[in-house]
Amino acid sequence: MSENETKIGPNGGGSLGMPWFGFSRNVFGEVAERGVAQAQERCGKIKVLSEDFAETLSETYASNARGATDYGLKLIDISKANTASALEFVSRLLDLRSVTDVFNLSAAEARKAFDTAAAQNRELFDLAQRLAQETGEPIRKHVANALQQTS
């Protein structure tokens, strides 16, 4: 390199012979400082959003656990009711003396079991639907909140 390339003049280059294009070194320092400040600001926003998301996941898991517990308890209640009904049917069946009575009782029990199963399925469906809504609600709120913060 020649001596002219190593000198820094008003429009001269640095030690690598690259020109500054009329900018002072302070301009690059200011640009770098602004870039660092923007990066720190964005990192702060990301940190807040990730903390919010962690809280949202916690709420979601808690809601899901409550809903799953309610659903499990409902299944236990249904099982208990169905078992009691089956035992009652067998008990009444053993007391019958004629084939006609057995067929009549069986038909009545089949209608009753069908109606009961339909009602139980409606209850389970409603419970599952509520579970899905309650589990998804914290996530929906978080996404809406995140979209508002970014815009």
Protein backbone atom coordinates (compact mmCIF):
# COMPACT_ATOMS: atom_id res chain seq x y z
CA MET A 1 0.00 0.00 0.00
CA SER A 2 1.12 3.50 -0.63
CA GLU A 3 1.26 6.21 1.91
CA ASN A 4 -1.79 7.94 0.36
CA GLU A 5 -3.96 4.89 0.95
CA THR A 6 -3.09 4.72 4.63
CA LYS A 7 -3.83 8.37 5.40
CA ILE A 8 -7.30 9.37 6.36
CA GLY A 9 -8.45 12.54 4.76
CA PRO A 10 -11.87 14.21 4.48
CA ASN A 11 -12.78 11.87 1.65
CA GLY A 12 -9.88 9.46 2.02
CA GLY A 13 -9.87 5.85 3.00
CA GLY A 14 -8.76 4.01 6.08
CA SER A 15 -5.98 1.55 6.52
CA LEU A 16 -7.53 -0.76 3.93
CA GLY A 17 -7.67 1.95 1.29
CA MET A 18 -11.48 2.12 1.35
CA PRO A 19 -13.04 5.57 0.97
CA TRP A 20 -15.44 6.97 3.60
CA PHE A 21 -17.52 8.67 0.87
CA GLY A 22 -17.58 11.94 2.76
CA PHE A 23 -18.95 10.42 5.96
CA SER A 24 -17.16 10.90 9.20
CA ARG A 25 -16.46 8.01 11.51
CA ASN A 26 -19.06 9.40 13.91
CA VAL A 27 -21.86 8.73 11.41
CA PHE A 28 -21.04 5.03 11.42
CA GLY A 29 -20.89 5.05 15.21
CA GLU A 30 -24.32 6.67 15.38
CA VAL A 31 -25.77 4.15 12.94
CA ALA A 32 -24.28 1.32 14.98
CA GLU A 33 -25.67 2.77 18.22
CA ARG A 34 -29.14 3.09 16.69
CA GLY A 35 -28.91 -0.49 15.44
CA VAL A 36 -27.95 -1.71 18.91
CA ALA A 37 -30.75 0.31 20.50
CA GLN A 38 -33.29 -1.14 18.05
CA ALA A 39 -32.00 -4.65 18.66
CA GLN A 40 -32.30 -4.17 22.42
CA GLU A 41 -35.83 -2.82 22.05
CA ARG A 42 -36.86 -5.76 19.87
CA CYS A 43 -35.23 -8.23 22.25
CA GLY A 44 -37.24 -6.66 25.08
CA LYS A 45 -40.46 -7.06 23.08
CA ILE A 46 -39.59 -10.66 22.26
CA LYS A 47 -38.91 -11.33 25.94
CA VAL A 48 -42.30 -9.89 26.94
CA LEU A 49 -44.06 -11.90 24.23
CA SER A 50 -42.32 -15.12 25.25
CA GLU A 51 -43.23 -14.54 28.90
CA ASP A 52 -46.84 -13.93 27.86
CA PHE A 53 -46.79 -17.08 25.77
CA ALA A 54 -45.40 -19.11 28.68
CA GLU A 55 -48.22 -17.81 30.87
CA THR A 56 -50.71 -18.65 28.13
CA LEU A 57 -49.41 -22.20 27.91
CA SER A 58 -49.68 -22.52 31.68
CA GLU A 59 -53.31 -21.35 31.56
CA THR A 60 -54.01 -23.68 28.66
CA TYR A 61 -52.56 -26.72 30.41
CA ALA A 62 -54.42 -25.89 33.63
CA SER A 63 -57.69 -25.49 31.75
CA ASN A 64 -57.05 -28.69 29.83
CA ALA A 65 -56.31 -30.58 33.05
CA ARG A 66 -59.54 -29.34 34.67
CA GLY A 67 -61.55 -30.23 31.56
CA ALA A 68 -59.97 -33.66 31.27
CA THR A 69 -60.72 -34.30 34.94
CA ASP A 70 -64.36 -33.25 34.46
CA TYR A 71 -64.62 -35.48 31.38
CA GLY A 72 -63.09 -38.43 33.23
CA LEU A 73 -65.43 -37.97 36.18
CA LYS A 74 -68.41 -37.84 33.83
CA LEU A 75 -67.26 -41.09 32.21
CA ILE A 76 -67.04 -42.69 35.66
CA ASP A 77 -70.56 -41.47 36.52
CA ILE A 78 -71.91 -42.82 33.23
CA SER A 79 -70.19 -46.15 33.76
CA LYS A 80 -71.57 -46.36 37.28
CA ALA A 81 -75.11 -45.58 36.10
CA ASN A 82 -74.89 -48.07 33.23
CA THR A 83 -73.59 -50.80 35.53
CA ALA A 84 -76.39 -50.19 38.03
CA SER A 85 -78.94 -50.27 35.22
CA ALA A 86 -77.53 -53.54 33.85
CA LEU A 87 -77.56 -55.17 37.29
CA GLU A 88 -81.14 -54.03 37.85
CA PHE A 89 -82.14 -55.45 34.46
CA VAL A 90 -80.52 -58.83 35.22
CA SER A 91 -82.17 -58.90 38.63
CA ARG A 92 -85.60 -58.21 37.15
CA LEU A 93 -84.93 -60.69 34.34
CA LEU A 94 -84.22 -63.47 36.83
CA ASP A 95 -87.60 -62.91 38.50
CA LEU A 96 -89.58 -63.45 35.28
CA ARG A 97 -91.35 -66.75 34.59
CA SER A 98 -92.54 -66.48 30.98
CA VAL A 99 -90.73 -65.98 27.68
CA THR A 100 -93.18 -63.22 26.73
CA ASP A 101 -92.28 -61.26 29.86
CA VAL A 102 -88.58 -61.70 29.07
CA PHE A 103 -89.07 -60.33 25.53
CA ASN A 104 -91.18 -57.41 26.80
CA LEU A 105 -88.68 -56.53 29.50
CA SER A 106 -85.79 -56.86 27.03
CA ALA A 107 -87.50 -54.55 24.52
CA ALA A 108 -88.27 -51.99 27.22
CA GLU A 109 -84.70 -52.19 28.50
CA ALA A 110 -83.32 -51.76 24.96
CA ARG A 111 -85.42 -48.58 24.47
CA LYS A 112 -84.32 -47.29 27.85
CA ALA A 113 -80.65 -48.09 27.12
CA PHE A 114 -80.84 -46.37 23.73
CA ASP A 115 -82.39 -43.21 25.22
CA THR A 116 -79.88 -43.22 28.07
CA ALA A 117 -76.94 -43.69 25.71
CA ALA A 118 -78.16 -40.83 23.50
CA ALA A 119 -78.44 -38.51 26.51
CA GLN A 120 -75.04 -39.59 27.82
CA ASN A 121 -73.43 -39.01 24.42
CA ARG A 122 -74.94 -35.52 24.28
CA GLU A 123 -73.50 -34.76 27.73
CA LEU A 124 -70.07 -36.06 26.72
CA PHE A 125 -70.15 -34.11 23.46
CA ASP A 126 -71.11 -30.90 25.27
CA LEU A 127 -68.37 -31.50 27.82
CA ALA A 128 -65.78 -32.15 25.10
CA GLN A 129 -66.89 -29.06 23.18
CA ARG A 130 -66.59 -26.92 26.31
CA LEU A 131 -63.15 -28.41 26.98
CA ALA A 132 -62.00 -27.50 23.47
CA GLN A 133 -63.30 -23.94 23.81
CA GLU A 134 -61.78 -23.42 27.25
CA THR A 135 -58.46 -24.88 26.17
CA GLY A 136 -58.29 -22.78 23.02
CA GLU A 137 -59.43 -19.51 24.61
CA PRO A 138 -56.10 -18.55 26.27
CA ILE A 139 -54.26 -19.23 23.01
CA ARG A 140 -56.76 -17.19 21.01
CA LYS A 141 -56.40 -14.27 23.44
CA HIS A 142 -52.60 -14.49 23.34
CA VAL A 143 -52.47 -14.49 19.54
CA ALA A 144 -54.87 -11.53 19.35
CA ASN A 145 -52.80 -9.67 21.97
CA ALA A 146 -49.53 -10.43 20.16
CA LEU A 147 -50.97 -9.22 16.87
CA GLN A 148 -52.11 -5.96 18.50
CA GLN A 149 -48.67 -5.39 20.05
CA THR A 150 -46.85 -5.96 16.78
CA SER A 151 -49.05 -3.62 14.76
